[in-house]
């Protein structure tokens, strides 16, 4: 079992608007040193994640209730991915993330949380056997993509949408090799996908092939099959 890491001492979440003139000058002098903190997060992330092996990143709302259907689906998804030989990577928080980690841990799989230091929702869930804490969203996002064989996206809010579109953008622009991106929840995503076809595609801001960069299902087992079949075709 990989040792779980504790949350580092929280920063003060300072903003320049909140600082006096003298504090502002001092803060700006510190800015170049921020590069070393960023580098340290990348190094720690790379060293930890390279030992994980094949993994799938799962995204969804931190606000999902434990009694909801989406929570149950995410828990089953975590189980099925680990049974198929994948580690499960989430943002380490509650809701969908907790459910996926819970499912992974229940079947003895690798259950990884890439946690983010925020002024709210900072407590990680209790179903991790590996945890890495980040101060910077962009460093954390690199870890989600670099070490994943696929993304599975369940119903969520801005953060979930951000990860979904980030993956599509990287694949579309050729910045990463294509990998499977699966949306779970046909009813939840229907209007968004309709808008993409009816408006974004119609305005020629994307092309028809861009809509083939992801698939949609309601079944967590099918999501796992989609990922496995993607790599079978690559052999």
Protein backbone atom coordinates (compact mmCIF):
# COMPACT_ATOMS: atom_id res chain seq x y z
CA UNK A 1 0.00 0.00 0.00
CA UNK A 2 1.29 3.44 -0.87
CA UNK A 3 1.52 5.70 2.13
CA UNK A 4 -1.12 8.42 2.35
CA UNK A 5 0.30 11.92 2.58
CA UNK A 6 -1.06 14.58 4.91
CA UNK A 7 -2.22 18.04 3.97
CA UNK A 8 0.67 20.54 4.06
CA UNK A 9 0.37 23.72 6.08
CA UNK A 10 -2.17 25.91 4.35
CA UNK A 11 -1.11 29.15 2.74
CA UNK A 12 -2.77 32.44 3.55
CA UNK A 13 -4.59 32.71 0.18
CA UNK A 14 -3.38 36.28 -0.14
CA UNK A 15 -4.58 38.54 -2.92
CA UNK A 16 -2.83 41.74 -3.99
CA UNK A 17 -6.01 43.75 -3.43
CA UNK A 18 -5.88 42.81 0.25
CA UNK A 19 -2.32 44.02 0.82
CA UNK A 20 -0.97 47.40 1.92
CA UNK A 21 1.56 49.16 -0.31
CA UNK A 22 4.53 47.92 1.73
CA UNK A 23 3.15 44.38 1.84
CA UNK A 24 2.49 44.55 -1.88
CA UNK A 25 6.14 45.40 -2.63
CA UNK A 26 7.34 42.57 -0.41
CA UNK A 27 4.90 40.16 -2.02
CA UNK A 28 6.09 41.10 -5.51
CA UNK A 29 9.70 40.46 -4.50
CA UNK A 30 8.66 36.94 -3.57
CA UNK A 31 7.10 36.23 -6.95
CA UNK A 32 10.25 34.90 -8.72
CA UNK A 33 10.64 32.35 -5.91
CA UNK A 34 7.20 31.00 -6.73
CA UNK A 35 8.85 29.22 -9.67
CA UNK A 36 10.71 26.96 -7.26
CA UNK A 37 7.51 26.06 -5.44
CA UNK A 38 5.90 25.22 -8.78
CA UNK A 39 8.92 23.13 -9.79
CA UNK A 40 8.81 21.29 -6.47
CA UNK A 41 5.16 20.34 -7.03
CA UNK A 42 5.96 19.04 -10.50
CA UNK A 43 8.92 17.00 -9.25
CA UNK A 44 6.96 15.48 -6.38
CA UNK A 45 4.03 14.72 -8.67
CA UNK A 46 6.21 13.07 -11.31
CA UNK A 47 8.14 10.99 -8.77
CA UNK A 48 4.96 9.75 -7.10
CA UNK A 49 2.81 9.15 -10.15
CA UNK A 50 5.34 7.34 -12.32
CA UNK A 51 5.04 4.34 -9.97
CA UNK A 52 1.27 4.03 -10.39
CA UNK A 53 1.00 2.14 -13.69
CA UNK A 54 -2.03 2.33 -16.02
CA UNK A 55 -4.72 4.55 -14.54
CA UNK A 56 -7.96 6.32 -15.39
CA UNK A 57 -8.91 9.78 -14.12
CA UNK A 58 -12.49 10.19 -12.92
CA UNK A 59 -14.22 13.56 -12.60
CA UNK A 60 -17.55 14.68 -11.18
CA UNK A 61 -19.20 16.90 -8.63
CA UNK A 62 -17.89 17.16 -5.07
CA UNK A 63 -21.48 17.94 -4.05
CA UNK A 64 -23.00 14.63 -5.09
CA UNK A 65 -25.00 13.06 -2.26
CA UNK A 66 -24.00 9.62 -1.03
CA UNK A 67 -27.54 8.36 -1.53
CA UNK A 68 -27.75 9.50 -5.16
CA UNK A 69 -27.67 7.28 -8.21
CA UNK A 70 -24.60 9.06 -9.54
CA UNK A 71 -22.70 8.20 -6.35
CA UNK A 72 -23.57 4.52 -6.82
CA UNK A 73 -22.52 4.66 -10.47
CA UNK A 74 -19.18 6.24 -9.59
CA UNK A 75 -18.56 3.62 -6.91
CA UNK A 76 -19.26 0.81 -9.37
CA UNK A 77 -17.04 2.52 -11.93
CA UNK A 78 -14.15 2.56 -9.46
CA UNK A 79 -14.59 -1.16 -8.83
CA UNK A 80 -14.82 -2.09 -12.50
CA UNK A 81 -11.77 -0.05 -13.49
CA UNK A 82 -9.62 -1.69 -10.83
CA UNK A 83 -10.89 -5.14 -11.78
CA UNK A 84 -9.78 -4.34 -15.34
CA UNK A 85 -6.28 -3.51 -14.11
CA UNK A 86 -6.45 0.27 -13.87
CA UNK A 87 -5.70 2.52 -10.93
CA UNK A 88 -8.31 5.15 -10.14
CA UNK A 89 -7.29 8.81 -9.99
CA UNK A 90 -9.64 11.47 -8.62
CA UNK A 91 -9.36 14.93 -7.12
CA UNK A 92 -9.41 13.30 -3.68
CA UNK A 93 -12.50 15.12 -2.43
CA UNK A 94 -16.09 14.18 -1.54
CA UNK A 95 -19.02 13.33 -3.83
CA UNK A 96 -18.21 11.55 -7.09
CA UNK A 97 -14.52 11.51 -6.19
CA UNK A 98 -15.16 9.79 -2.88
CA UNK A 99 -17.45 7.24 -4.52
CA UNK A 100 -14.89 6.28 -7.18
CA UNK A 101 -12.10 5.99 -4.61
CA UNK A 102 -14.37 3.95 -2.35
CA UNK A 103 -15.11 1.50 -5.15
CA UNK A 104 -11.43 1.18 -6.03
CA UNK A 105 -10.40 0.53 -2.44
CA UNK A 106 -13.20 -2.02 -1.95
CA UNK A 107 -11.65 -4.35 -4.54
CA UNK A 108 -8.06 -3.80 -3.43
CA UNK A 109 -7.16 -1.41 -6.23
CA UNK A 110 -4.94 1.65 -6.30
CA UNK A 111 -7.04 4.59 -5.14
CA UNK A 112 -5.31 7.91 -5.77
CA UNK A 113 -6.31 11.41 -4.76
CA UNK A 114 -4.73 14.50 -6.30
CA UNK A 115 -5.96 16.94 -3.68
CA UNK A 116 -5.95 20.72 -4.01
CA UNK A 117 -5.41 23.25 -1.23
CA UNK A 118 -8.47 25.52 -1.24
CA UNK A 119 -10.08 27.83 1.32
CA UNK A 120 -13.09 25.44 1.22
CA UNK A 121 -13.72 21.75 0.49
CA UNK A 122 -10.16 20.92 1.57
CA UNK A 123 -10.80 17.70 3.47
CA UNK A 124 -9.88 14.66 1.41
CA UNK A 125 -12.03 11.55 1.42
CA UNK A 126 -11.26 8.47 3.51
CA UNK A 127 -10.76 5.99 0.65
CA UNK A 128 -7.27 6.81 -0.60
CA UNK A 129 -4.14 4.70 -0.42
CA UNK A 130 -2.12 7.40 -2.18
CA UNK A 131 -2.57 11.15 -1.88
CA UNK A 132 -0.65 14.11 -3.26
CA UNK A 133 -1.49 17.69 -2.29
CA UNK A 134 -1.17 20.61 -4.71
CA UNK A 135 -1.36 24.38 -4.37
CA UNK A 136 -1.54 24.98 -8.12
CA UNK A 137 -4.42 23.82 -10.28
CA UNK A 138 -2.32 23.73 -13.46
CA UNK A 139 0.27 21.40 -11.92
CA UNK A 140 -2.49 19.10 -10.69
CA UNK A 141 -4.13 19.09 -14.13
CA UNK A 142 -0.88 17.92 -15.71
CA UNK A 143 -0.88 14.91 -13.38
CA UNK A 144 -4.49 14.06 -14.27
CA UNK A 145 -3.63 13.97 -17.97
CA UNK A 146 -0.04 12.71 -18.07
CA UNK A 147 -0.66 9.55 -16.07
CA UNK A 148 -4.13 8.62 -17.34
CA UNK A 149 -5.08 6.11 -20.00
CA UNK A 150 -8.51 7.71 -20.16
CA UNK A 151 -10.95 10.18 -18.62
CA UNK A 152 -14.40 9.29 -17.32
CA UNK A 153 -16.57 12.32 -16.62
CA UNK A 154 -19.71 12.11 -14.48
CA UNK A 155 -22.20 14.92 -13.78
CA UNK A 156 -20.51 17.92 -12.25
CA UNK A 157 -20.01 21.68 -12.34
CA UNK A 158 -17.37 24.13 -13.55
CA UNK A 159 -14.38 22.05 -12.45
CA UNK A 160 -15.74 18.96 -14.17
CA UNK A 161 -16.46 20.88 -17.37
CA UNK A 162 -12.98 22.38 -17.23
CA UNK A 163 -11.34 18.94 -17.12
CA UNK A 164 -13.60 17.61 -19.88
CA UNK A 165 -12.83 20.48 -22.27
CA UNK A 166 -9.16 20.50 -21.31
CA UNK A 167 -8.85 16.88 -22.46
CA UNK A 168 -10.71 17.56 -25.71
CA UNK A 169 -8.58 20.62 -26.43
CA UNK A 170 -5.30 18.76 -25.87
CA UNK A 171 -6.40 15.88 -28.10
CA UNK A 172 -7.88 18.17 -30.77
CA UNK A 173 -4.69 20.24 -31.01
CA UNK A 174 -2.39 17.23 -31.00
CA UNK A 175 -0.66 18.26 -27.79
CA UNK A 176 -1.25 14.78 -26.36
CA UNK A 177 -1.82 11.40 -27.94
CA UNK A 178 -5.54 10.59 -28.23
CA UNK A 179 -7.04 8.65 -25.35
CA UNK A 180 -10.64 7.66 -24.56
CA UNK A 181 -12.88 10.29 -22.99
CA UNK A 182 -16.22 8.98 -21.72
CA UNK A 183 -19.18 10.94 -20.38
CA UNK A 184 -21.51 9.07 -18.05
CA UNK A 185 -25.09 10.34 -17.80
CA UNK A 186 -26.87 10.72 -21.14
CA UNK A 187 -29.72 12.79 -19.71
CA UNK A 188 -27.39 15.11 -17.80
CA UNK A 189 -25.16 15.85 -20.79
CA UNK A 190 -27.86 15.86 -23.49
CA UNK A 191 -28.49 19.61 -23.70
CA UNK A 192 -24.78 20.46 -23.64
CA UNK A 193 -24.09 18.02 -26.46
CA UNK A 194 -27.09 19.29 -28.39
CA UNK A 195 -25.76 22.85 -28.06
CA UNK A 196 -22.35 21.74 -29.30
CA UNK A 197 -23.95 20.20 -32.40
CA UNK A 198 -26.61 22.84 -32.99
CA UNK A 199 -24.52 25.94 -32.30
CA UNK A 200 -20.77 25.32 -32.04
CA UNK A 201 -20.63 22.91 -34.98
CA UNK A 202 -23.10 24.95 -37.03
CA UNK A 203 -20.93 28.06 -36.57
CA UNK A 204 -17.95 25.95 -37.75
CA UNK A 205 -16.05 26.54 -34.53
CA UNK A 206 -15.44 22.80 -34.39
CA UNK A 207 -15.61 20.15 -37.08
CA UNK A 208 -17.66 16.94 -37.09
CA UNK A 209 -14.66 14.81 -36.13
CA UNK A 210 -14.25 16.80 -32.92
CA UNK A 211 -17.55 15.36 -31.71
CA UNK A 212 -16.00 11.89 -32.06
CA UNK A 213 -13.33 12.65 -29.46
CA UNK A 214 -15.62 11.40 -26.70
CA UNK A 215 -18.39 8.87 -26.12
CA UNK A 216 -21.47 8.91 -23.91
CA UNK A 217 -23.04 6.12 -21.85
CA UNK A 218 -25.12 5.45 -18.75
CA UNK A 219 -23.33 2.22 -17.88
CA UNK A 220 -20.06 2.21 -15.90
CA UNK A 221 -19.21 -1.24 -17.26
CA UNK A 222 -19.59 0.06 -20.80
CA UNK A 223 -17.31 2.99 -19.93
CA UNK A 224 -14.62 0.49 -18.93
CA UNK A 225 -15.20 -1.52 -22.13
CA UNK A 226 -14.78 1.63 -24.22
CA UNK A 227 -11.40 2.28 -22.62
CA UNK A 228 -10.24 -1.34 -22.99
CA UNK A 229 -11.41 -1.55 -26.62
CA UNK A 230 -9.59 1.69 -27.48
CA UNK A 231 -6.27 0.10 -26.55
CA UNK A 232 -7.07 -3.24 -28.13
CA UNK A 233 -7.46 -1.45 -31.44
CA UNK A 234 -4.09 0.23 -30.92
CA UNK A 235 -2.25 -3.11 -30.74
